[in-house]
N, C-alpha and C. Protein backbone atom coordinates (compact mmCIF):
# COMPACT_ATOMS: atom_id res chain seq x y z
N MET A 1 113.11 111.07 77.39
CA MET A 1 112.25 110.56 78.46
C MET A 1 111.47 109.36 77.95
N ASN A 2 111.46 108.27 78.72
CA ASN A 2 110.76 107.07 78.31
C ASN A 2 109.29 107.13 78.68
N PHE A 3 108.42 106.80 77.72
CA PHE A 3 106.99 106.80 77.97
C PHE A 3 106.41 105.40 77.78
N ASP A 4 105.41 105.08 78.58
CA ASP A 4 104.61 103.88 78.36
C ASP A 4 103.20 104.34 78.03
N TYR A 5 102.48 103.52 77.31
CA TYR A 5 101.24 104.02 76.73
C TYR A 5 99.98 103.46 77.37
N THR A 6 100.02 103.26 78.69
CA THR A 6 98.78 103.03 79.42
C THR A 6 98.09 104.38 79.56
N TYR A 7 96.77 104.39 79.45
CA TYR A 7 96.07 105.66 79.54
C TYR A 7 94.61 105.45 79.91
N ILE A 8 94.00 106.55 80.39
CA ILE A 8 92.56 106.60 80.67
C ILE A 8 91.98 107.68 79.76
N PRO A 9 90.98 107.34 78.94
CA PRO A 9 90.39 108.36 78.06
C PRO A 9 89.62 109.41 78.86
N LEU A 10 89.76 110.67 78.46
CA LEU A 10 89.04 111.77 79.11
C LEU A 10 88.52 112.69 78.00
N GLY A 11 87.31 112.40 77.53
CA GLY A 11 86.75 113.16 76.40
C GLY A 11 87.58 112.92 75.16
N ASN A 12 88.05 114.02 74.55
CA ASN A 12 88.90 113.91 73.37
C ASN A 12 90.38 113.77 73.71
N ALA A 13 90.69 113.84 75.00
CA ALA A 13 92.08 113.74 75.45
C ALA A 13 92.31 112.41 76.15
N LYS A 14 93.55 112.19 76.57
CA LYS A 14 93.91 110.98 77.30
C LYS A 14 94.78 111.36 78.49
N ILE A 15 94.57 110.66 79.60
CA ILE A 15 95.46 110.78 80.75
C ILE A 15 96.42 109.60 80.66
N PHE A 16 97.63 109.86 80.18
CA PHE A 16 98.61 108.80 80.03
C PHE A 16 99.23 108.45 81.38
N GLU A 17 99.63 107.21 81.52
CA GLU A 17 100.36 106.69 82.69
C GLU A 17 99.76 107.18 84.02
N PRO A 18 98.49 106.83 84.28
CA PRO A 18 97.82 107.33 85.50
C PRO A 18 98.48 106.87 86.80
N VAL A 19 99.07 105.68 86.81
CA VAL A 19 99.72 105.20 88.04
C VAL A 19 100.99 106.00 88.31
N THR A 20 101.70 106.35 87.24
CA THR A 20 102.89 107.20 87.39
C THR A 20 102.50 108.58 87.92
N LEU A 21 101.37 109.10 87.45
CA LEU A 21 100.83 110.36 87.99
C LEU A 21 100.57 110.23 89.48
N LEU A 22 99.96 109.12 89.88
CA LEU A 22 99.61 108.92 91.28
C LEU A 22 100.86 108.84 92.17
N THR A 23 101.82 108.01 91.75
CA THR A 23 103.03 107.84 92.58
C THR A 23 103.87 109.12 92.63
N ASN A 24 103.94 109.82 91.50
CA ASN A 24 104.65 111.11 91.49
C ASN A 24 103.97 112.12 92.39
N SER A 25 102.63 112.10 92.41
CA SER A 25 101.86 113.02 93.24
C SER A 25 102.10 112.76 94.73
N PHE A 26 102.23 111.49 95.09
CA PHE A 26 102.53 111.13 96.49
C PHE A 26 103.89 111.72 96.89
N ILE A 27 104.88 111.57 95.99
CA ILE A 27 106.21 112.12 96.27
C ILE A 27 106.15 113.63 96.42
N GLY A 28 105.47 114.30 95.47
CA GLY A 28 105.38 115.75 95.50
C GLY A 28 104.71 116.25 96.78
N THR A 29 103.61 115.61 97.17
CA THR A 29 102.88 116.01 98.37
C THR A 29 103.73 115.83 99.62
N PHE A 30 104.40 114.67 99.71
CA PHE A 30 105.23 114.42 100.89
C PHE A 30 106.41 115.39 100.95
N CYS A 31 106.98 115.71 99.80
CA CYS A 31 108.12 116.64 99.77
C CYS A 31 107.73 118.04 100.24
N VAL A 32 106.56 118.51 99.82
CA VAL A 32 106.09 119.82 100.26
C VAL A 32 105.83 119.80 101.77
N TYR A 33 105.21 118.71 102.25
CA TYR A 33 104.98 118.54 103.70
C TYR A 33 106.31 118.56 104.45
N SER A 34 107.32 117.86 103.91
CA SER A 34 108.64 117.80 104.54
C SER A 34 109.29 119.18 104.56
N PHE A 35 109.16 119.92 103.47
CA PHE A 35 109.70 121.28 103.40
C PHE A 35 109.14 122.13 104.54
N ILE A 36 107.84 122.07 104.75
CA ILE A 36 107.20 122.87 105.80
C ILE A 36 107.69 122.45 107.18
N LYS A 37 107.77 121.14 107.42
CA LYS A 37 108.19 120.64 108.74
C LYS A 37 109.66 121.00 109.02
N ILE A 38 110.52 120.83 108.03
CA ILE A 38 111.96 121.04 108.23
C ILE A 38 112.29 122.53 108.32
N LYS A 39 111.66 123.34 107.48
CA LYS A 39 111.98 124.78 107.41
C LYS A 39 111.70 125.49 108.73
N LYS A 40 110.81 124.93 109.54
CA LYS A 40 110.47 125.56 110.82
C LYS A 40 111.67 125.70 111.74
N TYR A 41 112.69 124.89 111.54
CA TYR A 41 113.86 124.94 112.43
C TYR A 41 114.76 126.14 112.12
N ASN A 42 114.64 126.70 110.93
CA ASN A 42 115.26 127.98 110.59
C ASN A 42 116.77 128.03 110.88
N THR A 43 117.47 126.96 110.50
CA THR A 43 118.94 126.95 110.58
C THR A 43 119.49 126.70 109.17
N LYS A 44 120.79 126.84 109.02
CA LYS A 44 121.42 126.61 107.72
C LYS A 44 121.17 125.18 107.24
N LEU A 45 121.39 124.23 108.12
CA LEU A 45 121.18 122.82 107.77
C LEU A 45 119.72 122.55 107.41
N ALA A 46 118.81 123.10 108.21
CA ALA A 46 117.38 122.91 107.95
C ALA A 46 116.99 123.50 106.60
N THR A 47 117.51 124.67 106.30
CA THR A 47 117.20 125.33 105.02
C THR A 47 117.67 124.49 103.83
N GLU A 48 118.87 123.93 103.95
CA GLU A 48 119.41 123.12 102.86
C GLU A 48 118.58 121.86 102.63
N TRP A 49 118.22 121.18 103.71
CA TRP A 49 117.38 119.99 103.55
C TRP A 49 115.99 120.35 103.06
N ALA A 50 115.46 121.46 103.58
CA ALA A 50 114.11 121.87 103.19
C ALA A 50 114.02 122.14 101.69
N TYR A 51 115.03 122.84 101.15
CA TYR A 51 115.00 123.16 99.72
C TYR A 51 115.31 121.94 98.85
N PHE A 52 116.05 120.99 99.41
CA PHE A 52 116.23 119.72 98.69
C PHE A 52 114.88 119.06 98.45
N PHE A 53 114.07 118.98 99.49
CA PHE A 53 112.76 118.32 99.35
C PHE A 53 111.78 119.15 98.54
N LEU A 54 111.81 120.46 98.71
CA LEU A 54 110.89 121.31 97.95
C LEU A 54 111.16 121.18 96.45
N LEU A 55 112.42 121.30 96.06
CA LEU A 55 112.77 121.21 94.64
C LEU A 55 112.51 119.82 94.08
N LEU A 56 112.77 118.80 94.89
CA LEU A 56 112.46 117.43 94.47
C LEU A 56 110.96 117.26 94.25
N GLY A 57 110.17 117.84 95.16
CA GLY A 57 108.71 117.74 95.04
C GLY A 57 108.18 118.45 93.82
N ILE A 58 108.68 119.67 93.55
CA ILE A 58 108.22 120.41 92.38
C ILE A 58 108.66 119.70 91.10
N SER A 59 109.88 119.15 91.11
CA SER A 59 110.35 118.38 89.97
C SER A 59 109.44 117.19 89.69
N SER A 60 108.98 116.54 90.76
CA SER A 60 108.06 115.41 90.60
C SER A 60 106.75 115.84 89.95
N CYS A 61 106.29 117.05 90.30
CA CYS A 61 105.05 117.57 89.71
C CYS A 61 105.22 117.80 88.20
N PHE A 62 106.37 118.35 87.81
CA PHE A 62 106.64 118.52 86.37
C PHE A 62 106.76 117.16 85.68
N GLY A 63 107.35 116.20 86.40
CA GLY A 63 107.44 114.85 85.85
C GLY A 63 106.07 114.25 85.62
N SER A 64 105.17 114.47 86.57
CA SER A 64 103.78 114.00 86.42
C SER A 64 103.14 114.61 85.19
N THR A 65 103.34 115.90 85.02
CA THR A 65 102.76 116.60 83.87
C THR A 65 103.25 116.01 82.55
N ALA A 66 104.56 115.76 82.47
CA ALA A 66 105.13 115.20 81.25
C ALA A 66 104.55 113.83 80.93
N HIS A 67 104.44 112.99 81.95
CA HIS A 67 103.93 111.64 81.73
C HIS A 67 102.44 111.63 81.40
N VAL A 68 101.70 112.53 81.98
CA VAL A 68 100.25 112.57 81.75
C VAL A 68 99.92 113.12 80.36
N VAL A 69 100.63 114.18 79.96
CA VAL A 69 100.30 114.88 78.72
C VAL A 69 100.92 114.21 77.50
N HIS A 70 102.15 113.70 77.64
CA HIS A 70 102.92 113.19 76.49
C HIS A 70 103.03 114.28 75.43
N TYR A 71 102.68 113.96 74.19
CA TYR A 71 102.84 114.91 73.08
C TYR A 71 101.52 115.61 72.71
N GLN A 72 100.52 115.50 73.59
CA GLN A 72 99.19 116.03 73.24
C GLN A 72 99.18 117.55 73.08
N LEU A 73 100.09 118.24 73.76
CA LEU A 73 100.15 119.71 73.67
C LEU A 73 101.36 120.17 72.85
N GLY A 74 101.98 119.25 72.14
CA GLY A 74 103.08 119.61 71.25
C GLY A 74 104.45 119.38 71.85
N ASN A 75 105.44 119.32 70.98
CA ASN A 75 106.82 119.06 71.40
C ASN A 75 107.40 120.16 72.28
N LEU A 76 107.09 121.42 71.95
CA LEU A 76 107.65 122.53 72.72
C LEU A 76 107.20 122.48 74.17
N PHE A 77 105.90 122.24 74.38
CA PHE A 77 105.38 122.15 75.75
C PHE A 77 106.05 121.00 76.50
N LEU A 78 106.11 119.84 75.86
CA LEU A 78 106.69 118.67 76.52
C LEU A 78 108.17 118.89 76.84
N ASN A 79 108.92 119.40 75.88
CA ASN A 79 110.35 119.62 76.10
C ASN A 79 110.61 120.65 77.19
N THR A 80 109.76 121.68 77.27
CA THR A 80 109.90 122.69 78.32
C THR A 80 109.65 122.08 79.69
N VAL A 81 108.62 121.26 79.79
CA VAL A 81 108.29 120.61 81.07
C VAL A 81 109.42 119.67 81.49
N ILE A 82 109.95 118.90 80.53
CA ILE A 82 111.04 117.97 80.85
C ILE A 82 112.29 118.74 81.28
N PHE A 83 112.58 119.86 80.61
CA PHE A 83 113.74 120.67 81.01
C PHE A 83 113.58 121.19 82.44
N LEU A 84 112.39 121.69 82.78
CA LEU A 84 112.15 122.19 84.13
C LEU A 84 112.27 121.07 85.16
N MET A 85 111.76 119.90 84.82
CA MET A 85 111.88 118.74 85.71
C MET A 85 113.35 118.41 85.96
N ASN A 86 114.12 118.30 84.88
CA ASN A 86 115.54 117.96 85.01
C ASN A 86 116.34 119.04 85.74
N SER A 87 116.04 120.30 85.45
CA SER A 87 116.75 121.41 86.08
C SER A 87 116.50 121.45 87.59
N LEU A 88 115.24 121.27 87.98
CA LEU A 88 114.90 121.27 89.40
C LEU A 88 115.50 120.07 90.11
N SER A 89 115.59 118.95 89.42
CA SER A 89 116.24 117.78 90.00
C SER A 89 117.71 118.06 90.27
N LEU A 90 118.38 118.71 89.31
CA LEU A 90 119.79 119.07 89.50
C LEU A 90 119.97 120.01 90.69
N LEU A 91 119.08 121.00 90.81
CA LEU A 91 119.18 121.95 91.91
C LEU A 91 118.92 121.25 93.25
N SER A 92 118.00 120.29 93.26
CA SER A 92 117.75 119.55 94.50
C SER A 92 118.98 118.72 94.88
N ILE A 93 119.66 118.17 93.87
CA ILE A 93 120.89 117.41 94.13
C ILE A 93 121.95 118.31 94.77
N TYR A 94 122.02 119.56 94.30
CA TYR A 94 122.97 120.52 94.89
C TYR A 94 122.69 120.72 96.38
N PHE A 95 121.42 120.89 96.74
CA PHE A 95 121.09 121.10 98.16
C PHE A 95 121.32 119.84 98.98
N CYS A 96 121.18 118.68 98.36
CA CYS A 96 121.50 117.43 99.05
C CYS A 96 122.99 117.40 99.40
N PHE A 97 123.83 117.80 98.44
CA PHE A 97 125.27 117.89 98.69
C PHE A 97 125.56 118.88 99.81
N LYS A 98 124.94 120.06 99.73
CA LYS A 98 125.18 121.10 100.73
C LYS A 98 124.81 120.62 102.13
N ALA A 99 123.67 119.94 102.24
CA ALA A 99 123.22 119.46 103.55
C ALA A 99 124.19 118.43 104.12
N ALA A 100 124.68 117.53 103.26
CA ALA A 100 125.64 116.53 103.70
C ALA A 100 126.94 117.19 104.15
N ASN A 101 127.38 118.17 103.40
CA ASN A 101 128.62 118.89 103.72
C ASN A 101 128.49 119.66 105.03
N THR A 102 127.34 120.29 105.23
CA THR A 102 127.09 121.02 106.47
C THR A 102 127.08 120.09 107.67
N SER A 103 126.46 118.92 107.52
CA SER A 103 126.43 117.93 108.61
C SER A 103 127.83 117.47 108.98
N LEU A 104 128.66 117.27 107.95
CA LEU A 104 130.04 116.81 108.18
C LEU A 104 130.85 117.85 108.93
N LEU A 105 130.57 119.13 108.67
CA LEU A 105 131.38 120.21 109.24
C LEU A 105 130.70 120.91 110.41
N LEU A 106 129.67 120.29 110.98
CA LEU A 106 129.00 120.89 112.13
C LEU A 106 129.99 121.14 113.26
N HIS A 107 129.84 122.29 113.91
CA HIS A 107 130.64 122.67 115.08
C HIS A 107 132.09 123.02 114.71
N LYS A 108 132.40 123.07 113.41
CA LYS A 108 133.73 123.50 113.00
C LYS A 108 133.67 124.98 112.63
N PRO A 109 134.62 125.79 113.11
CA PRO A 109 134.54 127.24 112.91
C PRO A 109 134.68 127.68 111.46
N GLN A 110 135.45 126.94 110.64
CA GLN A 110 135.68 127.35 109.26
C GLN A 110 135.24 126.25 108.31
N GLN A 111 134.60 126.67 107.23
CA GLN A 111 134.19 125.73 106.20
C GLN A 111 134.84 126.12 104.89
N ASN A 112 135.18 125.12 104.10
CA ASN A 112 135.84 125.34 102.81
C ASN A 112 134.82 125.82 101.78
N LYS A 113 134.86 127.13 101.48
CA LYS A 113 133.91 127.69 100.53
C LYS A 113 134.24 127.33 99.09
N TYR A 114 135.50 126.98 98.84
CA TYR A 114 135.90 126.67 97.47
C TYR A 114 135.16 125.44 96.94
N THR A 115 134.93 124.46 97.81
CA THR A 115 134.20 123.26 97.39
C THR A 115 132.80 123.63 96.92
N THR A 116 132.15 124.51 97.68
CA THR A 116 130.81 124.96 97.31
C THR A 116 130.81 125.68 95.98
N TYR A 117 131.80 126.55 95.77
CA TYR A 117 131.88 127.31 94.51
C TYR A 117 132.10 126.37 93.32
N ILE A 118 132.94 125.37 93.52
CA ILE A 118 133.20 124.41 92.44
C ILE A 118 131.93 123.64 92.10
N VAL A 119 131.20 123.21 93.12
CA VAL A 119 129.95 122.46 92.89
C VAL A 119 128.91 123.36 92.22
N MET A 120 128.83 124.62 92.64
CA MET A 120 127.88 125.55 92.02
C MET A 120 128.20 125.74 90.54
N ALA A 121 129.50 125.87 90.22
CA ALA A 121 129.91 126.04 88.83
C ALA A 121 129.56 124.80 88.02
N TRP A 122 129.78 123.63 88.61
CA TRP A 122 129.48 122.39 87.92
C TRP A 122 127.97 122.24 87.67
N VAL A 123 127.16 122.62 88.66
CA VAL A 123 125.70 122.58 88.50
C VAL A 123 125.27 123.50 87.36
N LEU A 124 125.90 124.69 87.28
CA LEU A 124 125.58 125.63 86.19
C LEU A 124 125.91 125.01 84.83
N ILE A 125 127.06 124.36 84.74
CA ILE A 125 127.44 123.69 83.49
C ILE A 125 126.43 122.60 83.14
N LEU A 126 126.02 121.84 84.15
CA LEU A 126 125.05 120.77 83.93
C LEU A 126 123.69 121.31 83.49
N LEU A 127 123.30 122.46 84.03
CA LEU A 127 122.03 123.08 83.63
C LEU A 127 122.08 123.47 82.16
N ILE A 128 123.22 124.00 81.73
CA ILE A 128 123.37 124.36 80.32
C ILE A 128 123.34 123.10 79.44
N PHE A 129 124.03 122.06 79.90
CA PHE A 129 124.05 120.80 79.16
C PHE A 129 122.64 120.20 79.09
N THR A 130 121.88 120.32 80.19
CA THR A 130 120.52 119.81 80.23
C THR A 130 119.62 120.58 79.27
N LEU A 131 119.83 121.89 79.17
CA LEU A 131 119.07 122.71 78.23
C LEU A 131 119.29 122.24 76.79
N ILE A 132 120.51 121.82 76.50
CA ILE A 132 120.83 121.40 75.14
C ILE A 132 120.33 119.98 74.86
N ASN A 133 120.50 119.08 75.85
CA ASN A 133 120.23 117.65 75.60
C ASN A 133 118.96 117.11 76.26
N ASN A 134 118.53 117.74 77.38
CA ASN A 134 117.33 117.27 78.09
C ASN A 134 117.38 115.77 78.36
N ASP A 135 118.49 115.30 78.93
CA ASP A 135 118.72 113.87 79.12
C ASP A 135 118.62 113.50 80.60
N PHE A 136 117.68 112.60 80.93
CA PHE A 136 117.49 112.20 82.33
C PHE A 136 118.63 111.32 82.82
N LEU A 137 119.35 110.67 81.92
CA LEU A 137 120.48 109.84 82.32
C LEU A 137 121.52 110.66 83.08
N LEU A 138 121.72 111.89 82.63
CA LEU A 138 122.64 112.80 83.31
C LEU A 138 122.23 113.01 84.76
N ILE A 139 120.93 113.16 84.98
CA ILE A 139 120.42 113.38 86.34
C ILE A 139 120.68 112.15 87.21
N LYS A 140 120.41 110.97 86.66
CA LYS A 140 120.59 109.74 87.42
C LYS A 140 122.05 109.55 87.83
N ILE A 141 122.97 109.84 86.93
CA ILE A 141 124.40 109.67 87.23
C ILE A 141 124.82 110.60 88.36
N HIS A 142 124.45 111.87 88.27
CA HIS A 142 124.87 112.84 89.29
C HIS A 142 124.10 112.65 90.60
N ALA A 143 122.86 112.22 90.50
CA ALA A 143 122.12 111.90 91.73
C ALA A 143 122.81 110.75 92.46
N GLY A 144 123.25 109.75 91.70
CA GLY A 144 123.96 108.62 92.31
C GLY A 144 125.25 109.04 92.97
N LEU A 145 126.01 109.93 92.32
CA LEU A 145 127.28 110.40 92.87
C LEU A 145 127.07 111.19 94.17
N VAL A 146 126.08 112.10 94.14
CA VAL A 146 125.82 112.92 95.33
C VAL A 146 125.25 112.06 96.46
N LEU A 147 124.39 111.12 96.12
CA LEU A 147 123.84 110.23 97.14
C LEU A 147 124.94 109.37 97.77
N MET A 148 125.90 108.96 96.95
CA MET A 148 127.04 108.20 97.49
C MET A 148 127.85 109.06 98.45
N TYR A 149 128.10 110.31 98.06
CA TYR A 149 128.82 111.24 98.95
C TYR A 149 128.03 111.44 100.25
N SER A 150 126.72 111.62 100.11
CA SER A 150 125.87 111.84 101.28
C SER A 150 125.83 110.60 102.17
N LEU A 151 125.82 109.43 101.56
CA LEU A 151 125.83 108.18 102.33
C LEU A 151 127.12 108.07 103.15
N VAL A 152 128.25 108.33 102.51
CA VAL A 152 129.53 108.26 103.22
C VAL A 152 129.58 109.28 104.34
N THR A 153 129.12 110.50 104.03
CA THR A 153 129.13 111.58 105.03
C THR A 153 128.29 111.23 106.25
N HIS A 154 127.08 110.75 106.01
CA HIS A 154 126.20 110.45 107.15
C HIS A 154 126.59 109.16 107.87
N SER A 155 127.32 108.29 107.19
CA SER A 155 127.88 107.13 107.88
C SER A 155 128.98 107.59 108.84
N ILE A 156 129.80 108.55 108.38
CA ILE A 156 130.85 109.10 109.25
C ILE A 156 130.24 109.80 110.46
N THR A 157 129.22 110.64 110.20
CA THR A 157 128.61 111.38 111.32
C THR A 157 127.82 110.44 112.23
N TYR A 158 127.36 109.32 111.70
CA TYR A 158 126.70 108.32 112.56
C TYR A 158 127.69 107.77 113.58
N PHE A 159 128.90 107.44 113.10
CA PHE A 159 129.91 106.91 114.01
C PHE A 159 130.45 108.00 114.94
N LYS A 160 130.23 109.27 114.57
CA LYS A 160 130.57 110.37 115.47
C LYS A 160 129.42 110.70 116.42
N LYS A 161 128.39 109.86 116.41
CA LYS A 161 127.25 109.96 117.33
C LYS A 161 126.35 111.15 117.04
N GLN A 162 126.28 111.60 115.79
CA GLN A 162 125.32 112.64 115.45
C GLN A 162 123.93 112.02 115.35
N THR A 163 123.02 112.52 116.15
CA THR A 163 121.65 111.99 116.17
C THR A 163 121.01 112.10 114.79
N GLY A 164 120.35 111.03 114.37
CA GLY A 164 119.60 111.04 113.11
C GLY A 164 120.40 110.62 111.90
N SER A 165 121.72 110.60 111.99
CA SER A 165 122.55 110.29 110.83
C SER A 165 122.33 108.86 110.32
N GLY A 166 122.09 107.93 111.26
CA GLY A 166 121.84 106.54 110.87
C GLY A 166 120.58 106.41 110.02
N TRP A 167 119.52 107.13 110.41
CA TRP A 167 118.28 107.11 109.64
C TRP A 167 118.49 107.71 108.24
N ILE A 168 119.23 108.81 108.19
CA ILE A 168 119.49 109.46 106.89
C ILE A 168 120.28 108.52 105.99
N ALA A 169 121.33 107.91 106.54
CA ALA A 169 122.14 106.96 105.76
C ALA A 169 121.30 105.78 105.29
N GLY A 170 120.41 105.30 106.16
CA GLY A 170 119.53 104.19 105.79
C GLY A 170 118.59 104.57 104.66
N GLY A 171 118.05 105.79 104.74
CA GLY A 171 117.15 106.27 103.69
C GLY A 171 117.87 106.39 102.35
N ILE A 172 119.12 106.84 102.40
CA ILE A 172 119.91 106.97 101.17
C ILE A 172 120.19 105.59 100.57
N LEU A 173 120.50 104.61 101.42
CA LEU A 173 120.71 103.25 100.93
C LEU A 173 119.47 102.73 100.19
N VAL A 174 118.31 102.99 100.77
CA VAL A 174 117.06 102.57 100.13
C VAL A 174 116.89 103.26 98.77
N SER A 175 117.29 104.54 98.70
CA SER A 175 117.11 105.30 97.46
C SER A 175 117.89 104.71 96.30
N PHE A 176 119.01 104.04 96.59
CA PHE A 176 119.79 103.41 95.52
C PHE A 176 119.00 102.31 94.83
N ILE A 177 118.09 101.70 95.56
CA ILE A 177 117.26 100.65 94.96
C ILE A 177 116.42 101.22 93.83
N SER A 178 115.93 102.46 93.99
CA SER A 178 115.12 103.08 92.94
C SER A 178 115.93 103.31 91.68
N ILE A 179 117.21 103.68 91.83
CA ILE A 179 118.07 103.89 90.66
C ILE A 179 118.29 102.57 89.92
N ILE A 180 118.49 101.49 90.68
CA ILE A 180 118.67 100.16 90.07
C ILE A 180 117.42 99.73 89.33
N ILE A 181 116.25 99.90 89.99
CA ILE A 181 114.98 99.51 89.38
C ILE A 181 114.73 100.29 88.10
N HIS A 182 114.97 101.60 88.15
CA HIS A 182 114.72 102.45 86.98
C HIS A 182 115.71 102.14 85.85
N SER A 183 116.95 101.87 86.19
CA SER A 183 117.96 101.61 85.17
C SER A 183 117.74 100.26 84.50
N LEU A 184 117.34 99.25 85.29
CA LEU A 184 117.12 97.90 84.74
C LEU A 184 115.70 97.70 84.22
N LYS A 185 114.83 98.72 84.44
CA LYS A 185 113.43 98.68 83.99
C LYS A 185 112.70 97.44 84.53
N LEU A 186 112.83 97.23 85.84
CA LEU A 186 112.18 96.10 86.48
C LEU A 186 110.70 96.43 86.74
N SER A 187 109.81 95.75 86.03
CA SER A 187 108.38 96.07 86.09
C SER A 187 107.56 94.84 86.50
N ILE A 188 106.40 95.12 87.09
CA ILE A 188 105.45 94.06 87.40
C ILE A 188 104.46 93.90 86.25
N SER A 189 103.99 95.03 85.72
CA SER A 189 103.08 95.02 84.59
C SER A 189 103.15 96.39 83.91
N ASP A 190 102.44 96.54 82.79
CA ASP A 190 102.38 97.84 82.12
C ASP A 190 101.78 98.90 83.02
N TRP A 191 100.85 98.48 83.89
CA TRP A 191 100.14 99.42 84.75
C TRP A 191 100.86 99.68 86.07
N PHE A 192 101.89 98.90 86.34
CA PHE A 192 102.73 99.16 87.52
C PHE A 192 104.16 98.81 87.11
N ASN A 193 104.76 99.76 86.38
CA ASN A 193 106.05 99.50 85.75
C ASN A 193 107.21 100.00 86.60
N TYR A 194 108.40 99.96 86.00
CA TYR A 194 109.61 100.32 86.74
C TYR A 194 109.59 101.75 87.27
N LYS A 195 108.93 102.66 86.57
CA LYS A 195 108.84 104.04 87.05
C LYS A 195 107.98 104.12 88.31
N ASP A 196 106.86 103.40 88.29
CA ASP A 196 105.97 103.41 89.46
C ASP A 196 106.64 102.77 90.67
N ILE A 197 107.32 101.64 90.45
CA ILE A 197 108.00 100.96 91.56
C ILE A 197 109.12 101.85 92.11
N ALA A 198 109.88 102.48 91.21
CA ALA A 198 110.96 103.37 91.64
C ALA A 198 110.41 104.53 92.46
N HIS A 199 109.26 105.06 92.05
CA HIS A 199 108.64 106.17 92.80
C HIS A 199 108.23 105.74 94.20
N VAL A 200 107.70 104.53 94.33
CA VAL A 200 107.32 104.02 95.65
C VAL A 200 108.55 103.90 96.54
N VAL A 201 109.64 103.41 95.96
CA VAL A 201 110.90 103.28 96.73
C VAL A 201 111.42 104.66 97.13
N ILE A 202 111.34 105.63 96.23
CA ILE A 202 111.77 107.00 96.54
C ILE A 202 110.95 107.57 97.69
N LEU A 203 109.65 107.31 97.68
CA LEU A 203 108.79 107.80 98.77
C LEU A 203 109.19 107.18 100.10
N ILE A 204 109.42 105.86 100.12
CA ILE A 204 109.85 105.18 101.35
C ILE A 204 111.19 105.74 101.81
N SER A 205 112.12 105.91 100.87
CA SER A 205 113.43 106.48 101.19
C SER A 205 113.29 107.87 101.80
N SER A 206 112.42 108.69 101.22
CA SER A 206 112.23 110.06 101.71
C SER A 206 111.66 110.08 103.12
N ILE A 207 110.74 109.18 103.40
CA ILE A 207 110.14 109.10 104.75
C ILE A 207 111.21 108.76 105.78
N ILE A 208 112.07 107.80 105.44
CA ILE A 208 113.15 107.41 106.36
C ILE A 208 114.12 108.57 106.57
N MET A 209 114.49 109.23 105.49
CA MET A 209 115.43 110.35 105.58
C MET A 209 114.87 111.50 106.41
N VAL A 210 113.61 111.84 106.19
CA VAL A 210 112.99 112.94 106.92
C VAL A 210 112.94 112.64 108.41
N LYS A 211 112.68 111.40 108.77
CA LYS A 211 112.71 111.02 110.19
C LYS A 211 114.07 111.33 110.79
N GLY A 212 115.13 110.95 110.07
CA GLY A 212 116.49 111.21 110.56
C GLY A 212 116.81 112.69 110.60
N ILE A 213 116.39 113.43 109.58
CA ILE A 213 116.66 114.87 109.52
C ILE A 213 116.00 115.59 110.69
N LEU A 214 114.74 115.26 110.97
CA LEU A 214 114.03 115.90 112.07
C LEU A 214 114.66 115.55 113.42
N LEU A 215 115.11 114.30 113.57
CA LEU A 215 115.80 113.90 114.80
C LEU A 215 117.08 114.71 114.98
N LYS A 216 117.83 114.88 113.88
CA LYS A 216 119.08 115.65 113.94
C LYS A 216 118.82 117.11 114.29
N LEU A 217 117.83 117.71 113.63
CA LEU A 217 117.54 119.11 113.88
C LEU A 217 117.04 119.35 115.30
N LYS A 218 116.25 118.43 115.82
CA LYS A 218 115.77 118.54 117.22
C LYS A 218 116.93 118.45 118.19
N SER A 219 117.87 117.54 117.92
CA SER A 219 119.01 117.38 118.83
C SER A 219 119.92 118.60 118.80
N LEU A 220 120.04 119.24 117.65
CA LEU A 220 120.88 120.45 117.54
C LEU A 220 120.23 121.65 118.22
N LYS A 221 118.91 121.62 118.25
CA LYS A 221 118.17 122.75 118.87
C LYS A 221 118.17 122.61 120.39
N ALA A 222 118.26 121.37 120.87
CA ALA A 222 118.16 121.12 122.31
C ALA A 222 119.33 121.71 123.08
């Protein structure tokens, strides 16, 4: 995990990367809000999207903890927090895939369960690999792959006139900008670096996606 060493002193301790804490907190808060709003629809699709946002939000909170604390509480604490962050991110990616797959197969009597089982097995393998290596690069690669699948899926359902799919696809397109920013480390300053900018883009992307998800769920309920 990459750290930058901006900090605010707090007694004998330090609050590292306070802007990253702030932007991560915005994501976490919005994700929990989205979980509550989406879960109210109580359908399979709603549940999948709801847990995508919930797990993403909790992962952001662990990310905030890691950036704020750094090594002040020891390597074991930091590595545990980073593992939980990465693991929850992987699980959120799984629910993103599930939601896209469910949208694609709406109104079809039979769904291919083998695809789900294969993805579940792969997620389990990735969780084990994450436990061993704790590497965020792995998360970025698989997030990109699943987001690409989700983008294609919601583009297809957009042309099939599924309400809300255009907004979801648009939100996913925006989310790719955060991956580019984070990978290229495009920063404005030490106090507003590539992580902070990427988090702002993720928040904007999430707002757009949630608008589309709610529109889709309302249309299915009508």
